[in-house]
């Protein structure tokens, strides 16, 4: 089991994550990325996932490094 940790407040809205991994990421109405099915707590959005899938590519492509994929 893995967990995506997204520091949404650091997002600059470049959209790379949503292009790289559209099944998990989309652009929000405010111009920042949005982690689908993520749970937000104090500006940090988290979601548990079975496999990293394309999320590791999204994390690596983020220019401000606000996406992290970790073990649970």
N, C-alpha and C. Protein backbone atom coordinates (compact mmCIF):
# COMPACT_ATOMS: atom_id res chain seq x y z
N UNK A 1 0.84 -1.18 0.00
CA UNK A 1 0.00 0.00 0.00
C UNK A 1 0.89 1.24 0.00
N UNK A 2 0.48 2.23 -0.77
CA UNK A 2 1.20 3.49 -0.89
C UNK A 2 0.27 4.63 -0.53
N UNK A 3 0.87 5.80 -0.31
CA UNK A 3 0.09 7.00 -0.02
C UNK A 3 0.65 8.15 -0.85
N UNK A 4 -0.26 8.91 -1.44
CA UNK A 4 0.11 10.15 -2.12
C UNK A 4 -0.07 11.28 -1.12
N UNK A 5 0.94 12.10 -0.98
CA UNK A 5 0.85 13.29 -0.14
C UNK A 5 1.08 14.49 -1.05
N UNK A 6 0.10 15.38 -1.10
CA UNK A 6 0.12 16.52 -2.00
C UNK A 6 0.04 17.80 -1.19
N UNK A 7 1.11 18.60 -1.25
CA UNK A 7 1.14 19.89 -0.56
C UNK A 7 0.53 20.94 -1.50
N UNK A 8 -0.79 21.00 -1.48
CA UNK A 8 -1.52 21.81 -2.46
C UNK A 8 -1.16 23.30 -2.40
N UNK A 9 -0.83 23.80 -1.23
CA UNK A 9 -0.51 25.22 -1.10
C UNK A 9 0.76 25.60 -1.87
N UNK A 10 1.60 24.64 -2.16
CA UNK A 10 2.83 24.89 -2.91
C UNK A 10 2.64 24.77 -4.42
N UNK A 11 1.50 24.27 -4.85
CA UNK A 11 1.23 24.03 -6.27
C UNK A 11 1.20 25.36 -7.04
N UNK A 12 1.88 25.37 -8.18
CA UNK A 12 1.89 26.57 -9.02
C UNK A 12 0.96 26.44 -10.23
N UNK A 13 0.29 25.30 -10.35
CA UNK A 13 -0.70 25.11 -11.42
C UNK A 13 -0.13 24.88 -12.79
N UNK A 14 1.04 24.26 -12.90
CA UNK A 14 1.64 24.04 -14.21
C UNK A 14 0.89 22.98 -15.01
N UNK A 15 0.19 22.06 -14.34
CA UNK A 15 -0.62 21.05 -15.01
C UNK A 15 0.12 19.79 -15.44
N UNK A 16 1.39 19.71 -15.14
CA UNK A 16 2.17 18.54 -15.56
C UNK A 16 1.62 17.25 -14.97
N UNK A 17 1.21 17.28 -13.72
CA UNK A 17 0.68 16.07 -13.08
C UNK A 17 -0.59 15.59 -13.77
N UNK A 18 -1.47 16.51 -14.15
CA UNK A 18 -2.73 16.11 -14.78
C UNK A 18 -2.51 15.57 -16.19
N UNK A 19 -1.45 16.00 -16.85
CA UNK A 19 -1.12 15.47 -18.16
C UNK A 19 -0.43 14.11 -18.03
N UNK A 20 0.46 14.00 -17.03
CA UNK A 20 1.23 12.78 -16.81
C UNK A 20 0.38 11.65 -16.24
N UNK A 21 -0.57 12.00 -15.38
CA UNK A 21 -1.34 10.97 -14.65
C UNK A 21 -2.81 11.41 -14.52
N UNK A 22 -3.53 11.50 -15.64
CA UNK A 22 -4.89 12.04 -15.62
C UNK A 22 -5.91 11.19 -14.85
N UNK A 23 -5.59 9.94 -14.57
CA UNK A 23 -6.54 9.12 -13.82
C UNK A 23 -6.55 9.48 -12.33
N UNK A 24 -5.55 10.25 -11.87
CA UNK A 24 -5.48 10.66 -10.46
C UNK A 24 -5.48 12.18 -10.29
N UNK A 25 -5.08 12.92 -11.31
CA UNK A 25 -4.89 14.36 -11.18
C UNK A 25 -5.72 15.12 -12.20
N UNK A 26 -6.28 16.25 -11.77
CA UNK A 26 -6.99 17.16 -12.67
C UNK A 26 -6.73 18.58 -12.18
N UNK A 27 -7.06 19.53 -13.00
CA UNK A 27 -6.87 20.92 -12.61
C UNK A 27 -8.16 21.44 -11.97
N UNK A 28 -8.00 22.10 -10.83
CA UNK A 28 -9.14 22.64 -10.12
C UNK A 28 -9.58 23.98 -10.68
N UNK A 29 -10.72 24.45 -10.23
CA UNK A 29 -11.27 25.74 -10.68
C UNK A 29 -10.38 26.91 -10.30
N UNK A 30 -9.54 26.73 -9.27
CA UNK A 30 -8.65 27.79 -8.83
C UNK A 30 -7.30 27.80 -9.56
N UNK A 31 -7.16 26.90 -10.55
CA UNK A 31 -5.92 26.86 -11.34
C UNK A 31 -4.84 25.98 -10.76
N UNK A 32 -5.10 25.38 -9.61
CA UNK A 32 -4.14 24.46 -9.00
C UNK A 32 -4.57 23.02 -9.27
N UNK A 33 -3.61 22.11 -9.13
CA UNK A 33 -3.91 20.70 -9.33
C UNK A 33 -4.84 20.19 -8.23
N UNK A 34 -5.55 19.12 -8.56
CA UNK A 34 -6.47 18.50 -7.62
C UNK A 34 -6.25 16.99 -7.69
N UNK A 35 -6.02 16.37 -6.53
CA UNK A 35 -5.87 14.93 -6.43
C UNK A 35 -7.26 14.32 -6.29
N UNK A 36 -7.69 13.56 -7.28
CA UNK A 36 -9.03 12.99 -7.22
C UNK A 36 -9.14 12.03 -6.05
N UNK A 37 -10.26 12.08 -5.38
CA UNK A 37 -10.56 11.24 -4.22
C UNK A 37 -9.58 11.46 -3.06
N UNK A 38 -8.90 12.59 -3.06
CA UNK A 38 -8.00 12.91 -1.97
C UNK A 38 -8.74 13.52 -0.80
N UNK A 39 -8.17 13.37 0.39
CA UNK A 39 -8.75 13.94 1.60
C UNK A 39 -7.83 15.04 2.09
N UNK A 40 -8.38 16.26 2.22
CA UNK A 40 -7.57 17.41 2.60
C UNK A 40 -7.60 17.63 4.11
N UNK A 41 -6.44 17.94 4.66
CA UNK A 41 -6.32 18.27 6.07
C UNK A 41 -5.25 19.34 6.21
N UNK A 42 -5.66 20.56 6.51
CA UNK A 42 -4.74 21.68 6.72
C UNK A 42 -3.82 21.92 5.53
N UNK A 43 -4.39 21.92 4.33
CA UNK A 43 -3.62 22.24 3.13
C UNK A 43 -2.85 21.08 2.53
N UNK A 44 -2.88 19.93 3.18
CA UNK A 44 -2.22 18.75 2.66
C UNK A 44 -3.30 17.74 2.26
N UNK A 45 -3.20 17.24 1.03
CA UNK A 45 -4.19 16.29 0.52
C UNK A 45 -3.52 14.91 0.46
N UNK A 46 -4.22 13.89 0.96
CA UNK A 46 -3.67 12.54 0.97
C UNK A 46 -4.66 11.56 0.36
N UNK A 47 -4.09 10.51 -0.22
CA UNK A 47 -4.90 9.43 -0.76
C UNK A 47 -4.08 8.15 -0.73
N UNK A 48 -4.66 7.09 -0.19
CA UNK A 48 -4.00 5.79 -0.21
C UNK A 48 -4.29 5.11 -1.54
N UNK A 49 -3.27 4.44 -2.07
CA UNK A 49 -3.39 3.75 -3.36
C UNK A 49 -2.74 2.37 -3.25
N UNK A 50 -3.15 1.47 -4.11
CA UNK A 50 -2.58 0.12 -4.12
C UNK A 50 -1.17 0.13 -4.72
N UNK A 51 -1.03 0.80 -5.86
CA UNK A 51 0.25 0.84 -6.57
C UNK A 51 0.57 2.29 -6.95
N UNK A 52 1.85 2.56 -7.12
CA UNK A 52 2.27 3.92 -7.50
C UNK A 52 1.67 4.35 -8.82
N UNK A 53 1.60 3.41 -9.77
CA UNK A 53 1.06 3.71 -11.09
C UNK A 53 1.82 4.91 -11.67
N UNK A 54 1.13 5.82 -12.30
CA UNK A 54 1.77 6.98 -12.92
C UNK A 54 2.06 8.10 -11.91
N UNK A 55 1.71 7.91 -10.65
CA UNK A 55 1.91 8.95 -9.65
C UNK A 55 3.38 9.24 -9.38
N UNK A 56 4.24 8.24 -9.51
CA UNK A 56 5.67 8.50 -9.33
C UNK A 56 6.18 9.40 -10.44
N UNK A 57 5.65 9.24 -11.66
CA UNK A 57 6.02 10.13 -12.76
C UNK A 57 5.49 11.54 -12.52
N UNK A 58 4.29 11.64 -11.99
CA UNK A 58 3.72 12.95 -11.68
C UNK A 58 4.56 13.66 -10.62
N UNK A 59 4.98 12.91 -9.60
CA UNK A 59 5.81 13.49 -8.54
C UNK A 59 7.15 13.96 -9.08
N UNK A 60 7.77 13.15 -9.92
CA UNK A 60 9.07 13.50 -10.47
C UNK A 60 9.00 14.68 -11.44
N UNK A 61 7.87 14.82 -12.12
CA UNK A 61 7.74 15.90 -13.11
C UNK A 61 7.30 17.23 -12.50
N UNK A 62 6.88 17.23 -11.24
CA UNK A 62 6.41 18.46 -10.59
C UNK A 62 7.58 19.41 -10.36
N UNK A 63 7.52 20.62 -10.93
CA UNK A 63 8.65 21.54 -10.79
C UNK A 63 8.86 22.09 -9.38
N UNK A 64 7.84 22.04 -8.53
CA UNK A 64 7.99 22.52 -7.16
C UNK A 64 8.00 21.39 -6.12
N UNK A 65 8.00 20.15 -6.62
CA UNK A 65 8.13 18.97 -5.76
C UNK A 65 7.13 18.95 -4.61
N UNK A 66 5.84 19.18 -4.95
CA UNK A 66 4.83 19.19 -3.91
C UNK A 66 4.00 17.90 -3.87
N UNK A 67 4.40 16.91 -4.71
CA UNK A 67 3.75 15.62 -4.72
C UNK A 67 4.74 14.58 -4.21
N UNK A 68 4.30 13.76 -3.26
CA UNK A 68 5.17 12.74 -2.69
C UNK A 68 4.41 11.41 -2.66
N UNK A 69 5.09 10.33 -3.04
CA UNK A 69 4.50 9.00 -2.96
C UNK A 69 5.35 8.22 -1.96
N UNK A 70 4.69 7.74 -0.89
CA UNK A 70 5.40 7.06 0.19
C UNK A 70 4.73 5.72 0.51
N UNK A 71 5.44 4.91 1.25
CA UNK A 71 4.85 3.67 1.77
C UNK A 71 3.95 4.02 2.95
N UNK A 72 2.88 3.25 3.12
CA UNK A 72 1.98 3.47 4.25
C UNK A 72 2.56 2.80 5.48
